[in-house]
Protein backbone atom coordinates (compact mmCIF):
# COMPACT_ATOMS: atom_id res chain seq x y z
CA MET A 1 -7.18 19.06 -22.71
CA ARG A 2 -6.33 20.38 -19.19
CA TYR A 3 -9.10 22.96 -19.44
CA LEU A 4 -11.70 20.20 -20.49
CA VAL A 5 -10.49 17.91 -17.52
CA SER A 6 -11.03 20.77 -15.11
CA ILE A 7 -14.47 21.59 -16.35
CA LEU A 8 -15.38 17.78 -16.28
CA PHE A 9 -14.08 17.76 -12.61
CA CYS A 10 -16.03 20.79 -11.53
CA THR A 11 -19.30 19.74 -13.26
CA CYS A 12 -19.15 16.21 -11.90
CA PHE A 13 -18.15 17.32 -8.42
CA SER A 14 -21.13 19.68 -8.37
CA ILE A 15 -23.58 16.93 -9.35
CA TYR A 16 -21.99 14.62 -6.66
CA LEU A 17 -22.44 17.19 -3.88
CA SER A 18 -25.99 18.07 -4.85
CA GLY A 19 -27.03 14.41 -5.30
CA GLN A 20 -25.46 12.66 -2.30
CA GLN A 21 -24.80 13.31 1.42
CA SER A 22 -21.12 13.21 2.04
CA ILE A 23 -19.67 11.34 5.07
CA GLU A 24 -17.52 13.66 7.15
CA TRP A 25 -13.96 12.44 6.90
CA GLY A 26 -12.78 10.72 10.11
CA ASN A 27 -16.07 10.64 11.82
CA TRP A 28 -17.34 7.26 10.65
CA LYS A 29 -19.51 5.44 13.33
CA SER A 30 -18.83 2.08 11.55
CA TRP A 31 -16.23 0.58 9.35
CA GLY A 32 -15.34 -2.62 7.50
CA ASN A 33 -17.53 -5.70 7.82
CA GLN A 34 -21.00 -4.78 9.01
CA GLY A 35 -22.05 -8.46 9.74
CA ASP A 36 -24.88 -8.49 7.26
CA GLY A 37 -23.01 -9.25 4.07
CA THR A 38 -22.15 -5.47 3.42
CA TYR A 39 -19.22 -3.42 4.38
CA MET A 40 -18.51 0.31 4.99
CA ASN A 41 -15.40 2.16 3.93
CA PRO A 42 -12.73 2.55 5.33
CA ILE A 43 -12.18 -1.19 5.59
CA ILE A 44 -8.97 -0.61 7.37
CA PRO A 45 -8.89 2.67 9.17
CA SER A 46 -5.27 2.35 9.80
CA ASP A 47 -1.93 3.37 8.03
CA TYR A 48 -1.55 0.86 5.19
CA SER A 49 -0.09 3.16 2.59
CA ASP A 50 0.78 2.57 -1.06
CA ILE A 51 -1.41 -0.59 -1.22
CA ASP A 52 -1.30 -3.10 -4.13
CA CYS A 53 -3.24 -6.10 -4.34
CA ILE A 54 -3.38 -9.40 -6.45
CA ARG A 55 -5.66 -12.45 -6.36
CA VAL A 56 -4.10 -15.98 -6.33
CA ASP A 57 -6.76 -18.65 -6.79
CA GLU A 58 -9.01 -18.31 -3.67
CA ASP A 59 -6.79 -15.82 -1.85
CA TYR A 60 -6.05 -12.13 -1.94
CA TYR A 61 -2.70 -10.50 -0.93
CA ALA A 62 -1.79 -6.99 -0.58
CA ILE A 63 1.41 -5.08 0.27
CA SER A 64 1.89 -1.78 2.07
CA SER A 65 4.98 0.44 2.13
CA THR A 66 6.80 0.79 5.40
CA PHE A 67 9.63 3.52 5.08
CA GLN A 68 12.29 3.06 7.74
CA PHE A 69 10.39 0.43 9.78
CA SER A 70 11.78 -3.02 10.09
CA PRO A 71 10.93 -5.62 8.97
CA GLY A 72 9.83 -3.85 5.73
CA MET A 73 6.95 -4.16 3.23
CA THR A 74 3.90 -5.46 5.23
CA LEU A 75 2.02 -8.27 3.48
CA LEU A 76 -1.72 -8.66 4.12
CA HIS A 77 -4.08 -11.68 3.32
CA SER A 78 -7.72 -11.92 2.80
CA LYS A 79 -10.42 -14.33 1.64
CA ASP A 80 -13.00 -11.59 0.68
CA LEU A 81 -11.19 -8.31 0.14
CA VAL A 82 -12.93 -6.87 3.26
CA ASN A 83 -11.52 -8.78 6.27
CA TRP A 84 -7.71 -8.84 6.29
CA GLU A 85 -5.00 -10.34 8.40
CA ILE A 86 -1.14 -9.68 8.42
CA CYS A 87 0.57 -12.34 6.54
CA GLY A 88 4.09 -11.16 7.44
CA ASN A 89 6.66 -8.57 6.49
CA ILE A 90 8.71 -9.31 3.49
CA ILE A 91 12.15 -7.54 4.01
CA ASP A 92 13.89 -8.91 7.08
CA ASP A 93 17.07 -6.72 6.93
CA LEU A 94 16.89 -3.25 5.83
CA THR A 95 20.56 -2.93 5.62
CA GLN A 96 20.34 -4.80 2.30
CA ILE A 97 19.18 -1.48 1.01
CA SER A 98 21.33 0.99 3.00
CA GLU A 99 23.30 1.26 6.20
CA ASP A 100 21.26 4.61 6.67
CA LEU A 101 18.54 2.32 7.70
CA HIS A 102 20.39 0.83 10.56
CA TRP A 103 20.25 1.69 14.26
CA THR A 104 23.77 3.15 13.97
CA ARG A 105 22.54 5.90 11.54
CA MET A 106 18.75 6.16 11.45
CA ASN A 107 18.95 8.58 8.63
CA ARG A 108 15.94 7.78 6.47
CA TYR A 109 12.78 9.28 8.02
CA GLY A 110 10.25 9.72 5.06
CA ARG A 111 12.52 7.63 2.80
CA GLY A 112 13.35 3.92 2.87
CA VAL A 113 10.74 1.47 1.38
CA TRP A 114 8.36 3.32 -0.63
CA ALA A 115 5.59 1.90 -2.85
CA GLY A 116 5.93 -1.50 -4.66
CA THR A 117 4.06 -3.91 -6.79
CA LEU A 118 3.19 -7.56 -5.92
CA ARG A 119 2.99 -10.19 -8.59
CA HIS A 120 2.43 -13.95 -8.99
CA TYR A 121 3.85 -15.65 -12.25
CA ASN A 122 4.44 -19.32 -12.80
CA GLY A 123 3.62 -20.38 -9.28
CA ARG A 124 5.92 -17.76 -7.56
CA PHE A 125 5.37 -14.51 -5.75
CA TYR A 126 7.45 -11.44 -6.75
CA LEU A 127 7.82 -8.14 -5.00
CA PHE A 128 9.30 -5.03 -6.78
CA PHE A 129 9.74 -1.88 -4.93
CA GLY A 130 11.59 1.39 -4.88
CA THR A 131 13.53 3.66 -2.53
CA PRO A 132 13.98 7.31 -3.49
CA ASP A 133 17.69 7.29 -2.63
CA GLU A 134 18.95 3.80 -3.57
CA GLY A 135 16.75 2.75 -6.55
CA TYR A 136 14.74 -0.31 -7.31
CA PHE A 137 14.82 -3.87 -5.79
CA MET A 138 13.12 -7.18 -6.12
CA THR A 139 12.68 -10.38 -4.18
CA SER A 140 10.57 -13.57 -4.68
CA ALA A 141 9.26 -16.53 -2.69
CA SER A 142 7.39 -19.82 -3.60
CA ARG A 143 4.86 -19.05 -0.66
CA ALA A 144 3.53 -15.67 0.32
CA GLU A 145 4.40 -16.42 3.95
CA GLY A 146 8.11 -16.84 2.77
CA PRO A 147 10.88 -17.30 3.10
CA TRP A 148 11.75 -14.51 0.79
CA GLU A 149 14.97 -14.40 -1.14
CA PRO A 150 17.66 -11.72 -0.32
CA LEU A 151 17.07 -8.49 -2.20
CA THR A 152 18.34 -8.03 -5.71
CA PRO A 153 19.11 -4.51 -6.85
CA LEU A 154 17.55 -3.68 -10.30
CA LEU A 155 18.54 -0.09 -10.84
CA SER A 156 20.93 1.63 -8.51
CA GLU A 157 19.91 5.28 -9.18
CA PRO A 158 18.20 7.80 -6.81
CA GLY A 159 15.00 9.73 -7.87
CA TRP A 160 12.75 6.81 -8.92
CA ASP A 161 9.53 5.54 -7.33
CA ASP A 162 6.29 3.53 -7.82
CA CYS A 163 7.24 0.83 -10.06
CA THR A 164 5.16 -2.22 -11.48
CA ALA A 165 5.93 -5.22 -13.50
CA MET A 166 4.11 -7.72 -15.80
CA TRP A 167 4.79 -10.78 -18.00
CA ASP A 168 3.06 -11.00 -21.46
CA GLU A 169 1.32 -14.08 -22.85
CA ASN A 170 4.65 -15.15 -24.39
CA GLY A 171 6.44 -14.91 -21.04
CA LYS A 172 8.34 -11.70 -21.88
CA ALA A 173 8.77 -9.69 -18.83
CA TYR A 174 8.59 -5.77 -18.50
CA PHE A 175 9.14 -3.32 -15.69
CA VAL A 176 7.78 0.20 -15.40
CA GLY A 177 9.28 2.85 -13.18
CA THR A 178 8.70 6.58 -12.67
CA HIS A 179 11.69 9.00 -12.60
CA PHE A 180 9.98 11.59 -10.28
CA ALA A 181 13.20 13.61 -10.07
CA ASP A 182 12.93 14.37 -13.82
CA GLY A 183 9.44 15.60 -14.23
CA TYR A 184 7.67 12.39 -13.29
CA LYS A 185 8.67 10.62 -16.48
CA THR A 186 7.45 6.82 -16.52
CA TYR A 187 9.55 4.37 -18.52
CA LEU A 188 8.97 0.91 -19.68
CA PHE A 189 11.98 -1.55 -19.54
CA LYS A 190 12.66 -4.95 -20.73
CA MET A 191 13.08 -7.39 -17.80
CA SER A 192 14.52 -10.82 -17.42
CA GLU A 193 11.91 -13.66 -16.95
CA ASP A 194 13.12 -14.27 -13.44
CA GLY A 195 12.73 -10.62 -12.46
CA LYS A 196 16.26 -10.15 -11.36
CA SER A 197 17.54 -7.71 -13.98
CA ILE A 198 16.27 -4.98 -16.18
CA ASP A 199 17.71 -3.69 -19.44
CA ARG A 200 18.58 -0.06 -18.62
CA LYS A 201 19.24 0.76 -22.26
CA SER A 202 15.73 -0.47 -23.31
CA ALA A 203 13.92 2.30 -21.53
CA LYS A 204 10.97 3.58 -23.42
CA LEU A 205 8.95 6.75 -22.32
CA ILE A 206 5.30 5.85 -21.84
CA ASN A 207 4.00 8.57 -19.57
CA SER A 208 5.08 11.94 -18.09
CA GLY A 209 3.96 15.04 -16.32
CA SER A 210 1.48 16.36 -13.77
CA GLY A 211 2.95 14.39 -10.93
CA ARG A 212 2.14 11.19 -12.58
CA GLU A 213 3.07 8.13 -10.50
CA ALA A 214 1.51 5.17 -8.73
CA SER A 215 1.67 3.07 -11.85
CA LYS A 216 0.01 -0.40 -12.03
CA LEU A 217 -0.21 -2.84 -15.14
CA ILE A 218 -3.29 -4.97 -15.64
CA LYS A 219 -4.57 -6.96 -18.59
CA VAL A 220 -8.32 -7.29 -19.33
CA ASN A 221 -10.10 -8.49 -22.47
CA GLY A 222 -7.11 -8.15 -24.64
CA TRP A 223 -6.20 -4.71 -23.44
CA TYR A 224 -3.12 -3.70 -21.31
CA TYR A 225 -3.83 -0.86 -19.01
CA LEU A 226 -1.44 1.44 -17.34
CA ILE A 227 -3.16 2.68 -14.29
CA PHE A 228 -1.68 5.65 -12.53
CA SER A 229 -2.48 8.72 -10.49
CA GLU A 230 -2.15 12.38 -11.62
CA HIS A 231 -2.14 15.76 -9.51
CA LYS A 232 -3.08 19.12 -10.67
CA PRO A 233 -2.60 22.11 -8.35
CA GLY A 234 -6.03 23.34 -7.11
CA VAL A 235 -7.87 20.19 -8.34
CA GLY A 236 -6.13 17.28 -6.45
CA ARG A 237 -4.92 13.83 -7.16
CA TYR A 238 -7.02 11.33 -9.21
CA VAL A 239 -6.75 8.00 -11.14
CA MET A 240 -5.95 7.91 -14.81
CA ALA A 241 -5.43 5.01 -17.30
CA LYS A 242 -3.64 4.46 -20.56
CA ARG A 243 -4.31 1.38 -22.72
CA SER A 244 -2.73 -0.59 -25.47
CA ARG A 245 -3.21 -3.88 -27.34
CA LYS A 246 0.45 -4.63 -26.74
CA LEU A 247 2.31 -4.77 -23.27
CA ALA A 248 5.19 -3.00 -25.03
CA GLY A 249 2.87 -0.06 -26.13
CA PRO A 250 2.36 2.31 -27.59
CA TYR A 251 -0.13 3.60 -24.83
CA LYS A 252 -1.81 6.44 -26.72
CA GLU A 253 -5.49 6.33 -25.51
CA GLU A 254 -5.99 7.90 -22.15
CA LYS A 255 -8.99 8.40 -19.69
CA GLN A 256 -9.60 9.79 -16.34
CA LEU A 257 -11.23 7.04 -14.20
CA ALA A 258 -12.26 8.97 -11.07
CA LEU A 259 -12.59 12.31 -9.58
CA PRO A 260 -10.13 13.50 -6.85
CA SER A 261 -12.86 13.03 -4.16
CA CYS A 262 -11.01 15.58 -2.04
CA GLU A 263 -13.68 15.37 0.67
CA ALA A 264 -12.68 11.62 1.04
CA MET A 265 -9.04 12.43 1.14
CA GLU A 266 -8.31 11.43 -2.47
CA PRO A 267 -8.40 7.70 -2.93
CA ASN A 268 -5.95 7.23 -5.66
CA GLN A 269 -3.41 4.38 -5.37
CA GLY A 270 -4.10 0.75 -5.17
CA GLY A 271 -4.65 -2.46 -7.13
CA ILE A 272 -7.57 -3.38 -9.56
CA ILE A 273 -8.54 -6.97 -9.05
CA LEU A 274 -11.12 -9.50 -10.20
CA GLY A 275 -13.07 -10.78 -7.29
CA LYS A 276 -14.33 -14.35 -6.81
CA ASP A 277 -17.88 -13.10 -7.49
CA ASN A 278 -16.75 -12.15 -11.03
CA ASN A 279 -16.93 -8.44 -10.28
CA TRP A 280 -13.94 -6.02 -10.28
CA TYR A 281 -12.67 -4.03 -7.32
CA PHE A 282 -10.26 -1.28 -6.48
CA LEU A 283 -8.31 -1.75 -3.27
CA THR A 284 -6.87 1.80 -2.51
CA HIS A 285 -5.39 3.94 0.10
CA HIS A 286 -6.62 7.59 0.66
CA GLY A 287 -3.68 9.51 -0.43
CA THR A 288 -4.03 12.67 1.65
CA GLY A 289 -2.51 11.72 4.86
CA ASP A 290 -3.54 12.82 8.33
CA TRP A 291 -2.74 11.46 11.82
CA SER A 292 -4.37 8.23 10.95
CA GLY A 293 -2.09 7.86 7.95
CA ARG A 294 -3.27 6.75 4.56
CA ILE A 295 -6.08 4.31 5.32
CA VAL A 296 -7.62 1.69 2.92
CA SER A 297 -11.03 1.58 1.31
CA LEU A 298 -12.50 -0.90 -1.34
CA LEU A 299 -14.33 0.63 -4.32
CA PRO A 300 -16.30 -1.20 -6.95
CA VAL A 301 -15.01 -1.01 -10.59
CA THR A 302 -17.47 -0.67 -13.62
CA TRP A 303 -16.24 -1.35 -16.98
CA VAL A 304 -17.46 1.33 -19.32
CA GLU A 305 -16.53 1.04 -22.89
CA ASP A 306 -13.62 -1.02 -21.92
CA TRP A 307 -12.30 1.39 -19.24
CA PRO A 308 -12.48 0.61 -15.41
CA ILE A 309 -14.37 3.26 -13.79
CA LEU A 310 -13.67 3.45 -10.02
CA GLY A 311 -16.28 3.87 -7.30
CA GLU A 312 -19.82 5.22 -7.97
CA VAL A 313 -20.26 5.94 -11.71
CA LEU A 314 -21.55 9.51 -12.33
CA PRO A 315 -23.72 10.29 -15.46
CA GLN A 316 -20.48 11.58 -17.18
CA ASN A 317 -19.03 8.08 -16.90
CA ILE A 318 -16.48 9.03 -14.27
CA GLY A 319 -16.22 7.68 -10.75
CA THR A 320 -16.26 9.12 -7.35
CA MET A 321 -15.94 7.89 -3.77
CA LYS A 322 -18.39 5.22 -2.60
CA TRP A 323 -18.79 4.56 1.10
CA ASP A 324 -20.54 1.11 1.15
CA GLY A 325 -20.97 -2.08 -0.79
CA LYS A 326 -21.59 -5.74 -0.70
CA ILE A 327 -18.80 -8.05 0.54
CA PRO A 328 -17.51 -9.73 -2.61
CA PHE A 329 -17.47 -13.30 -1.03
CA LYS A 330 -18.85 -14.98 2.05
CA HIS A 331 -16.24 -16.62 4.01
CA THR A 332 -16.89 -18.14 7.53
CA GLU A 333 -13.57 -17.36 9.09
CA LYS A 334 -13.43 -13.80 10.11
CA LEU A 335 -9.91 -12.61 9.40
CA TYR A 336 -8.60 -9.61 11.45
CA ILE A 337 -5.43 -7.50 12.04
CA LYS A 338 -3.95 -8.56 15.28
CA ARG A 339 -2.98 -5.77 17.75
CA SER A 340 -2.51 -7.21 21.20
CA ASP A 341 0.49 -9.34 22.21
CA ASP A 342 1.29 -11.28 25.47
CA PHE A 343 4.79 -12.01 24.07
CA ASP A 344 4.45 -15.74 24.59
CA GLU A 345 6.18 -16.75 21.40
CA ASP A 346 9.87 -16.76 20.67
CA ARG A 347 9.45 -14.32 17.73
CA LEU A 348 7.60 -11.03 17.51
CA ALA A 349 4.03 -11.12 16.01
CA PRO A 350 3.79 -9.57 12.51
CA GLN A 351 1.97 -6.37 13.58
CA TRP A 352 5.28 -5.26 15.18
CA GLN A 353 8.09 -3.31 13.43
CA TRP A 354 11.13 -1.74 14.84
CA ASN A 355 11.90 1.92 14.15
CA TYR A 356 14.86 1.19 11.81
CA GLN A 357 16.82 -2.03 11.74
CA PRO A 358 17.24 -3.13 15.40
CA ARG A 359 20.31 -4.02 17.41
CA LYS A 360 19.49 -7.73 17.56
CA ASP A 361 21.43 -8.53 20.73
CA TYR A 362 19.63 -5.86 22.74
CA PHE A 363 16.18 -7.38 22.79
CA SER A 364 15.07 -11.00 23.63
CA LEU A 365 11.85 -13.02 23.79
CA THR A 366 13.60 -15.98 25.24
CA GLU A 367 15.66 -14.80 28.23
CA ARG A 368 12.46 -14.45 30.28
CA PRO A 369 9.75 -16.61 28.62
CA GLY A 370 6.50 -14.69 28.32
CA TRP A 371 8.13 -11.37 28.42
CA LEU A 372 9.83 -8.89 25.90
CA ARG A 373 13.15 -7.82 27.25
CA LEU A 374 14.44 -4.58 25.99
CA LYS A 375 18.06 -3.73 26.80
CA ALA A 376 19.11 -0.08 27.04
CA TYR A 377 21.80 1.60 25.01
CA ARG A 378 22.71 5.22 24.12
CA PRO A 379 20.57 6.97 21.49
CA LEU A 380 22.40 8.66 18.62
CA GLU A 381 21.42 12.03 20.13
CA THR A 382 20.99 12.50 23.88
CA ASN A 383 17.40 12.48 25.10
CA ASN A 384 16.00 12.12 21.66
CA LEU A 385 13.39 9.40 21.27
CA LEU A 386 13.53 9.58 17.48
CA LYS A 387 17.14 8.90 17.55
CA ALA A 388 16.95 6.01 20.01
CA GLY A 389 17.21 2.43 18.54
CA ASN A 390 15.18 -0.60 19.22
CA THR A 391 11.79 1.31 19.64
CA LEU A 392 9.14 -1.33 19.03
CA THR A 393 6.05 0.09 17.01
CA GLN A 394 2.75 -0.76 15.47
CA ARG A 395 0.19 1.18 13.56
CA THR A 396 -2.72 2.94 15.32
CA PHE A 397 -6.29 2.84 14.28
CA ARG A 398 -8.87 5.56 13.82
CA LYS A 399 -11.82 4.21 15.72
CA GLN A 400 -14.32 5.63 18.27
CA ASN A 401 -12.48 4.19 21.24
CA ASN A 402 -8.90 3.03 21.36
CA ASP A 403 -6.77 2.17 24.38
CA VAL A 404 -3.44 0.56 24.65
CA THR A 405 -2.01 -0.70 27.95
CA ILE A 406 1.44 -2.14 28.73
CA LYS A 407 2.80 -3.75 31.89
CA MET A 408 6.40 -3.24 32.66
CA ASP A 409 8.86 -4.74 35.24
CA ILE A 410 11.34 -1.84 35.93
CA SER A 411 13.36 -3.62 38.68
CA ASN A 412 16.40 -3.91 36.36
CA MET A 413 16.51 -0.25 35.44
CA GLN A 414 19.90 1.57 35.71
CA ASP A 415 21.05 5.22 36.11
CA GLY A 416 20.25 7.22 33.08
CA GLN A 417 17.71 4.70 31.69
CA LYS A 418 14.29 5.80 30.13
CA ASN A 419 11.48 3.56 28.96
CA GLY A 420 7.74 3.71 28.47
CA LEU A 421 4.93 3.95 25.93
CA CYS A 422 4.99 6.53 23.25
CA HIS A 423 3.15 7.98 20.23
CA PHE A 424 5.24 9.26 17.22
CA SER A 425 5.51 10.17 13.52
CA SER A 426 7.52 13.37 12.87
CA GLN A 427 6.49 14.53 16.38
CA HIS A 428 6.28 12.38 19.56
CA SER A 429 4.97 12.15 23.02
CA ALA A 430 5.54 9.46 25.81
CA ILE A 431 4.80 8.37 29.30
CA GLY A 432 7.51 6.50 31.09
CA VAL A 433 9.91 6.05 33.80
CA VAL A 434 13.40 7.56 34.12
CA LYS A 435 15.98 6.31 36.68
CA GLU A 436 18.25 9.05 38.20
CA GLU A 437 20.94 7.52 40.38
CA ASP A 438 19.08 5.18 42.78
CA ALA A 439 15.42 6.49 42.22
CA CYS A 440 12.92 6.16 39.58
CA TYR A 441 10.52 8.92 38.53
CA LEU A 442 7.48 9.15 36.33
CA GLU A 443 7.89 11.44 33.25
CA TYR A 444 5.83 12.73 30.40
CA ARG A 445 7.65 13.65 27.21
CA LYS A 446 6.58 15.92 24.31
CA ASN A 447 9.21 16.40 21.66
CA GLY A 448 12.04 16.53 24.05
CA ASN A 449 10.08 18.65 26.76
CA ILE A 450 9.86 16.68 29.93
CA THR A 451 7.43 16.91 32.88
CA LYS A 452 8.65 15.07 35.90
CA GLY A 453 6.23 13.18 38.02
CA ILE A 454 6.13 11.23 41.29
CA GLN A 455 8.81 8.89 42.45
CA ILE A 456 7.95 5.26 41.83
CA HIS A 457 8.95 2.53 44.34
CA SER A 458 7.13 -0.40 42.92
CA GLU A 459 8.64 -3.18 40.82
CA PHE A 460 5.83 -3.01 38.27
CA VAL A 461 4.23 -0.08 36.38
CA TRP A 462 1.41 0.04 33.97
CA PHE A 463 1.07 2.67 31.24
CA ARG A 464 -1.97 3.34 29.04
CA THR A 465 -2.99 5.73 26.19
CA GLU A 466 -6.56 6.43 25.15
CA TRP A 467 -7.79 8.28 22.01
CA GLY A 468 -10.87 8.60 19.89
CA MET A 469 -11.79 9.91 16.32
CA ASP A 470 -10.13 13.18 16.96
CA GLY A 471 -6.83 11.65 17.60
CA LYS A 472 -6.21 13.37 20.95
CA SER A 473 -4.43 11.01 23.34
CA GLN A 474 -4.48 10.97 27.04
CA TYR A 475 -1.80 9.02 28.89
CA TYR A 476 -2.46 7.19 32.17
CA TYR A 477 -0.36 5.24 34.70
CA SER A 478 -1.00 2.65 37.43
CA LEU A 479 0.98 1.08 40.13
CA ASP A 480 -1.53 -1.89 40.72
CA GLY A 481 -2.88 -2.59 37.22
CA ASP A 482 -6.25 -1.63 38.20
CA ASN A 483 -6.34 2.07 39.08
CA PHE A 484 -5.21 4.37 36.42
CA LEU A 485 -4.35 8.13 37.00
CA PRO A 486 -3.95 10.56 34.08
CA PHE A 487 -0.51 12.19 33.70
CA GLY A 488 0.66 14.76 31.13
CA GLU A 489 -1.37 17.10 28.82
CA LYS A 490 -3.59 15.71 25.89
CA TYR A 491 -1.41 15.07 22.72
CA GLN A 492 -2.62 15.59 19.32
CA LEU A 493 -1.58 12.62 17.16
CA THR A 494 0.17 13.83 14.06
CA TRP A 495 1.12 13.09 10.52
CA GLY A 496 4.77 13.38 9.30
CA ASN A 497 7.40 11.81 7.15
CA TYR A 498 4.49 10.38 5.05
CA ARG A 499 3.28 8.44 8.03
CA GLY A 500 0.39 8.45 10.43
CA ASP A 501 0.82 8.09 14.14
CA ARG A 502 2.28 4.83 15.68
CA ILE A 503 2.42 3.55 19.19
CA GLY A 504 5.81 2.46 20.41
CA ILE A 505 7.47 0.88 23.45
CA TYR A 506 11.00 2.36 24.01
CA CYS A 507 14.04 1.83 26.09
CA PHE A 508 17.28 3.69 26.06
CA ASN A 509 19.96 5.05 28.39
CA ASP A 510 21.55 8.59 28.01
CA LYS A 511 24.48 7.68 30.05
CA LYS A 512 25.72 4.16 29.30
CA GLU A 513 24.83 0.87 27.76
CA THR A 514 23.36 -0.80 30.87
CA GLY A 515 19.95 -1.72 32.25
CA SER A 516 16.81 -3.30 30.79
CA VAL A 517 12.99 -3.47 31.15
CA ASP A 518 10.74 -6.34 30.71
CA VAL A 519 7.39 -5.92 29.00
CA ASP A 520 4.74 -8.49 30.19
CA TYR A 521 2.04 -7.68 27.52
CA CYS A 522 0.61 -5.00 25.25
CA HIS A 523 -3.05 -4.95 25.20
CA TYR A 524 -4.66 -2.93 22.32
CA ARG A 525 -8.40 -2.80 22.80
């Protein structure tokens, strides 16, 4: 069987390359809504990893994993599957999962909130998700915008990931989880109708092997489908399906739904949904991460002999990457993912997430209305930005031209304090100000290596980062907000800890818990 799959892959991939012109990854000149009723992939060139999607009446909702960032599990909303906005973040307090996600420990890089599944049942939204160290959790809400209930633990065991859930036509609930630590064995569990408990003893093995994970359950035309991804060395990761007439199984029939599309960074995990135009779609991330993270595309779904084939259907009835399509629904309001913030509200906009659960009394949006105040305290490791709490972050985009500018009031800085604008994943760089005794100096940071700059005498300082499709950032500073000068070497944005690059605003003090900085705005153009 594996030999036949490999032959099918090689044959179809050769036909694909000979019959079509491939788009070079990362060099798209256009993306998303084209303004003429069509779209180009990616639809979100930003790190919205482990995506899942559902439709509720006239609205679409999608979730994205967030790892150690707080608040956790980003929720997106759309009217047409192409134009999206951030609806919110579901998990307010990550310490419900583990104290290792708190600013006092910061011990979960690459861990924390992994993939989940979003469901809507009997008028209520349900989120199920896993962490590799703590197990499975769930929460629910009557409205997607919340409030969401406190987390309920479902299975307190390490080594599990990529869960899904479904209720059958009689209201019986089932939960599916993959034990990646034991050869990627996927089990079906009986679950209480309220989703708050699973019967551990009811576990039934329904799938295993070849890195099989990213499970999703759907029901179409009397068939229950277990959609999942599989990985083979030397081939890549691609999407598979099993099906059964009963939700409880057995799932004996199996089919490969798409090629790995390695040239398109392996689109392989997401949600299959019925659009408002009565066509089916696959909202997916591209699973091979790079500095831009695991970005999002929308692929058509064609039903062939009751199997959902993803993307462009090749003559062998297998799918491959498709780069364009017709927008599934015409909606007059153009939703978009917000990036800039003037900090005029008394709570943070939903595009922002802290690096780990923050120290709540060390930031404020009300002490100086219209400004974000960050109060400095000691990092867990001296002079280590990735071990400094209360760094405020958001995702970056892979577009032709990007620039982020912040304005800081540094008049309340104290000796030992450092603050500025940074990029980070597993590596980091930053441009900022350090105060040494009574003087402030410009500094450029790269993974702890510091280049000291001029002394700064002004009350205000502006910092900027610019990058393009290649992900090479150049930092700038200004003392008047109009004239910007480059400082520091160019920095290659990086992938690490299963995440793409993020921008961040940081503030810490290596010597003592004193000092603050006020941020007037962050303009992301």
